[in-house]
Amino acid sequence: MKLLVHSAMRRRGIGRMLMLHLEKEARSLGRNVLTLDTQIGEPSELLYASLGYTRVGEIPRYVRDATGAYYGTVFYYKHLGK
């Protein structure tokens, strides 16, 4: 699943609020590890780091945009604990 915030609504704490709610819901469902990915260099990397996610690696040229340009992606995880 993808979690996105419209570009006109960014930098208002919406992404952080959504991620915190997602983590709470995951805990309530008994999940203990979350994984995610995002395009390398995107501002979301700073958000994930600030929420305690650990960067574990990247894949260059992972996705192609509408113009045909390739971009890498980076993967993160977080243990939710008890």
N, C-alpha and C. Protein backbone atom coordinates (compact mmCIF):
# COMPACT_ATOMS: atom_id res chain seq x y z
N MET A 1 0.84 -1.17 0.00
CA MET A 1 0.00 0.00 0.00
C MET A 1 0.89 1.24 0.00
N LYS A 2 0.38 2.27 -0.55
CA LYS A 2 1.11 3.55 -0.56
C LYS A 2 0.38 4.56 0.32
N LEU A 3 1.15 5.34 1.02
CA LEU A 3 0.62 6.42 1.82
C LEU A 3 1.18 7.71 1.23
N LEU A 4 0.31 8.56 0.70
CA LEU A 4 0.74 9.78 0.04
C LEU A 4 0.00 10.98 0.60
N VAL A 5 0.68 12.12 0.61
CA VAL A 5 0.06 13.39 0.96
C VAL A 5 0.15 14.26 -0.29
N HIS A 6 -0.98 14.84 -0.69
CA HIS A 6 -1.00 15.70 -1.88
C HIS A 6 0.05 16.80 -1.73
N SER A 7 0.72 17.12 -2.82
CA SER A 7 1.81 18.10 -2.78
C SER A 7 1.36 19.45 -2.23
N ALA A 8 0.13 19.84 -2.45
CA ALA A 8 -0.37 21.13 -1.95
C ALA A 8 -0.59 21.11 -0.44
N MET A 9 -0.59 19.93 0.17
CA MET A 9 -0.86 19.81 1.60
C MET A 9 0.37 19.38 2.41
N ARG A 10 1.52 19.33 1.79
CA ARG A 10 2.73 18.89 2.50
C ARG A 10 3.26 19.96 3.43
N ARG A 11 4.12 19.52 4.36
CA ARG A 11 4.78 20.39 5.35
C ARG A 11 3.78 20.95 6.36
N ARG A 12 2.72 20.18 6.64
CA ARG A 12 1.72 20.59 7.62
C ARG A 12 1.55 19.54 8.72
N GLY A 13 2.41 18.52 8.72
CA GLY A 13 2.32 17.49 9.74
C GLY A 13 1.36 16.36 9.41
N ILE A 14 0.78 16.40 8.23
CA ILE A 14 -0.20 15.38 7.86
C ILE A 14 0.46 14.01 7.70
N GLY A 15 1.61 13.97 7.04
CA GLY A 15 2.33 12.70 6.86
C GLY A 15 2.71 12.09 8.20
N ARG A 16 3.21 12.90 9.11
CA ARG A 16 3.58 12.43 10.45
C ARG A 16 2.35 11.88 11.16
N MET A 17 1.24 12.62 11.12
CA MET A 17 0.01 12.18 11.76
C MET A 17 -0.46 10.84 11.17
N LEU A 18 -0.42 10.72 9.86
CA LEU A 18 -0.83 9.47 9.21
C LEU A 18 0.07 8.31 9.62
N MET A 19 1.38 8.55 9.65
CA MET A 19 2.31 7.48 10.03
C MET A 19 2.11 7.05 11.48
N LEU A 20 1.90 8.00 12.37
CA LEU A 20 1.67 7.65 13.78
C LEU A 20 0.37 6.87 13.95
N HIS A 21 -0.65 7.25 13.20
CA HIS A 21 -1.91 6.50 13.25
C HIS A 21 -1.72 5.10 12.68
N LEU A 22 -0.98 5.01 11.59
CA LEU A 22 -0.70 3.71 10.97
C LEU A 22 0.03 2.80 11.96
N GLU A 23 1.02 3.34 12.65
CA GLU A 23 1.76 2.54 13.64
C GLU A 23 0.85 2.07 14.78
N LYS A 24 -0.02 2.96 15.25
CA LYS A 24 -0.95 2.60 16.32
C LYS A 24 -1.88 1.48 15.86
N GLU A 25 -2.39 1.60 14.66
CA GLU A 25 -3.28 0.57 14.10
C GLU A 25 -2.53 -0.75 13.93
N ALA A 26 -1.29 -0.67 13.44
CA ALA A 26 -0.49 -1.89 13.26
C ALA A 26 -0.28 -2.60 14.61
N ARG A 27 0.02 -1.83 15.65
CA ARG A 27 0.18 -2.42 16.99
C ARG A 27 -1.10 -3.11 17.44
N SER A 28 -2.24 -2.45 17.20
CA SER A 28 -3.52 -3.02 17.64
C SER A 28 -3.83 -4.32 16.90
N LEU A 29 -3.25 -4.49 15.73
CA LEU A 29 -3.43 -5.71 14.95
C LEU A 29 -2.36 -6.76 15.24
N GLY A 30 -1.49 -6.45 16.21
CA GLY A 30 -0.45 -7.40 16.61
C GLY A 30 0.78 -7.41 15.73
N ARG A 31 0.94 -6.40 14.91
CA ARG A 31 2.13 -6.30 14.06
C ARG A 31 3.28 -5.76 14.89
N ASN A 32 4.50 -6.22 14.61
CA ASN A 32 5.62 -5.72 15.39
C ASN A 32 6.73 -5.10 14.55
N VAL A 33 6.66 -5.26 13.23
CA VAL A 33 7.66 -4.65 12.35
C VAL A 33 6.95 -4.04 11.15
N LEU A 34 7.32 -2.82 10.82
CA LEU A 34 6.82 -2.18 9.61
C LEU A 34 7.98 -1.96 8.66
N THR A 35 7.74 -2.14 7.38
CA THR A 35 8.74 -1.86 6.35
C THR A 35 8.13 -0.90 5.35
N LEU A 36 8.98 -0.08 4.76
CA LEU A 36 8.50 0.86 3.75
C LEU A 36 9.63 1.22 2.81
N ASP A 37 9.24 1.84 1.71
CA ASP A 37 10.24 2.34 0.76
C ASP A 37 9.78 3.67 0.21
N THR A 38 10.75 4.43 -0.28
CA THR A 38 10.48 5.71 -0.91
C THR A 38 11.59 6.01 -1.91
N GLN A 39 11.31 6.93 -2.80
CA GLN A 39 12.32 7.31 -3.78
C GLN A 39 13.51 7.97 -3.08
N ILE A 40 14.69 7.60 -3.49
CA ILE A 40 15.91 8.18 -2.92
C ILE A 40 15.90 9.70 -3.10
N GLY A 41 16.20 10.41 -2.01
CA GLY A 41 16.29 11.86 -2.06
C GLY A 41 15.00 12.59 -1.78
N GLU A 42 13.92 11.88 -1.59
CA GLU A 42 12.64 12.52 -1.30
C GLU A 42 12.60 13.03 0.14
N PRO A 43 11.84 14.10 0.41
CA PRO A 43 11.72 14.61 1.79
C PRO A 43 11.18 13.57 2.77
N SER A 44 10.46 12.59 2.27
CA SER A 44 9.92 11.55 3.15
C SER A 44 11.03 10.80 3.88
N GLU A 45 12.23 10.78 3.32
CA GLU A 45 13.34 10.13 4.01
C GLU A 45 13.59 10.79 5.37
N LEU A 46 13.50 12.11 5.43
CA LEU A 46 13.70 12.83 6.70
C LEU A 46 12.58 12.52 7.67
N LEU A 47 11.35 12.42 7.17
CA LEU A 47 10.22 12.08 8.02
C LEU A 47 10.42 10.70 8.64
N TYR A 48 10.75 9.72 7.82
CA TYR A 48 10.90 8.35 8.32
C TYR A 48 12.02 8.27 9.36
N ALA A 49 13.12 8.93 9.11
CA ALA A 49 14.22 8.94 10.07
C ALA A 49 13.78 9.58 11.39
N SER A 50 13.01 10.66 11.30
CA SER A 50 12.56 11.35 12.52
C SER A 50 11.58 10.51 13.31
N LEU A 51 10.92 9.56 12.67
CA LEU A 51 9.97 8.67 13.34
C LEU A 51 10.63 7.39 13.84
N GLY A 52 11.94 7.29 13.67
CA GLY A 52 12.66 6.14 14.20
C GLY A 52 12.83 4.97 13.25
N TYR A 53 12.56 5.17 11.98
CA TYR A 53 12.76 4.10 10.99
C TYR A 53 14.24 4.00 10.66
N THR A 54 14.70 2.79 10.42
CA THR A 54 16.10 2.53 10.10
C THR A 54 16.25 2.24 8.62
N ARG A 55 17.15 2.97 7.98
CA ARG A 55 17.43 2.76 6.56
C ARG A 55 18.27 1.49 6.41
N VAL A 56 17.83 0.59 5.54
CA VAL A 56 18.55 -0.68 5.40
C VAL A 56 19.15 -0.92 4.03
N GLY A 57 18.81 -0.13 3.06
CA GLY A 57 19.42 -0.32 1.75
C GLY A 57 18.66 0.36 0.65
N GLU A 58 19.26 0.32 -0.52
CA GLU A 58 18.63 0.95 -1.67
C GLU A 58 18.82 0.11 -2.92
N ILE A 59 17.94 0.33 -3.86
CA ILE A 59 18.02 -0.32 -5.17
C ILE A 59 18.06 0.79 -6.22
N PRO A 60 19.17 0.93 -6.92
CA PRO A 60 19.24 1.95 -7.97
C PRO A 60 18.33 1.58 -9.15
N ARG A 61 17.87 2.59 -9.85
CA ARG A 61 17.06 2.40 -11.06
C ARG A 61 15.89 1.44 -10.82
N TYR A 62 15.21 1.64 -9.70
CA TYR A 62 14.14 0.73 -9.29
C TYR A 62 12.81 1.04 -9.97
N VAL A 63 12.55 2.30 -10.22
CA VAL A 63 11.26 2.70 -10.79
C VAL A 63 11.49 3.74 -11.89
N ARG A 64 10.57 3.76 -12.83
CA ARG A 64 10.67 4.71 -13.94
C ARG A 64 9.46 5.64 -13.89
N ASP A 65 9.71 6.93 -14.13
CA ASP A 65 8.59 7.88 -14.11
C ASP A 65 7.98 8.02 -15.50
N ALA A 66 7.02 8.92 -15.64
CA ALA A 66 6.29 9.09 -16.90
C ALA A 66 7.19 9.54 -18.04
N THR A 67 8.32 10.16 -17.72
CA THR A 67 9.24 10.62 -18.77
C THR A 67 10.22 9.52 -19.19
N GLY A 68 10.21 8.42 -18.46
CA GLY A 68 11.13 7.32 -18.76
C GLY A 68 12.41 7.35 -17.94
N ALA A 69 12.56 8.37 -17.08
CA ALA A 69 13.75 8.46 -16.23
C ALA A 69 13.65 7.45 -15.09
N TYR A 70 14.78 6.84 -14.76
CA TYR A 70 14.83 5.86 -13.67
C TYR A 70 15.23 6.53 -12.36
N TYR A 71 14.67 6.02 -11.28
CA TYR A 71 15.00 6.50 -9.94
C TYR A 71 15.23 5.31 -9.02
N GLY A 72 16.09 5.52 -8.05
CA GLY A 72 16.32 4.48 -7.06
C GLY A 72 15.30 4.58 -5.94
N THR A 73 15.21 3.51 -5.17
CA THR A 73 14.35 3.51 -3.99
C THR A 73 15.19 3.09 -2.79
N VAL A 74 14.76 3.52 -1.62
CA VAL A 74 15.44 3.20 -0.38
C VAL A 74 14.42 2.53 0.55
N PHE A 75 14.88 1.54 1.31
CA PHE A 75 14.02 0.76 2.20
C PHE A 75 14.32 1.08 3.66
N TYR A 76 13.26 1.07 4.47
CA TYR A 76 13.33 1.34 5.90
C TYR A 76 12.52 0.30 6.66
N TYR A 77 12.85 0.14 7.95
CA TYR A 77 12.02 -0.69 8.82
C TYR A 77 11.97 -0.06 10.20
N LYS A 78 10.97 -0.49 10.98
CA LYS A 78 10.85 -0.05 12.37
C LYS A 78 10.21 -1.15 13.17
N HIS A 79 10.86 -1.51 14.29
CA HIS A 79 10.27 -2.44 15.26
C HIS A 79 9.33 -1.63 16.14
N LEU A 80 8.10 -2.07 16.23
CA LEU A 80 7.10 -1.34 17.02
C LEU A 80 7.18 -1.64 18.49
N GLY A 81 7.71 -2.80 18.85
CA GLY A 81 7.85 -3.15 20.26
C GLY A 81 6.50 -3.36 20.92
N LYS A 82 6.56 -3.53 22.21
CA LYS A 82 5.33 -3.72 22.98
C LYS A 82 4.96 -2.48 23.71
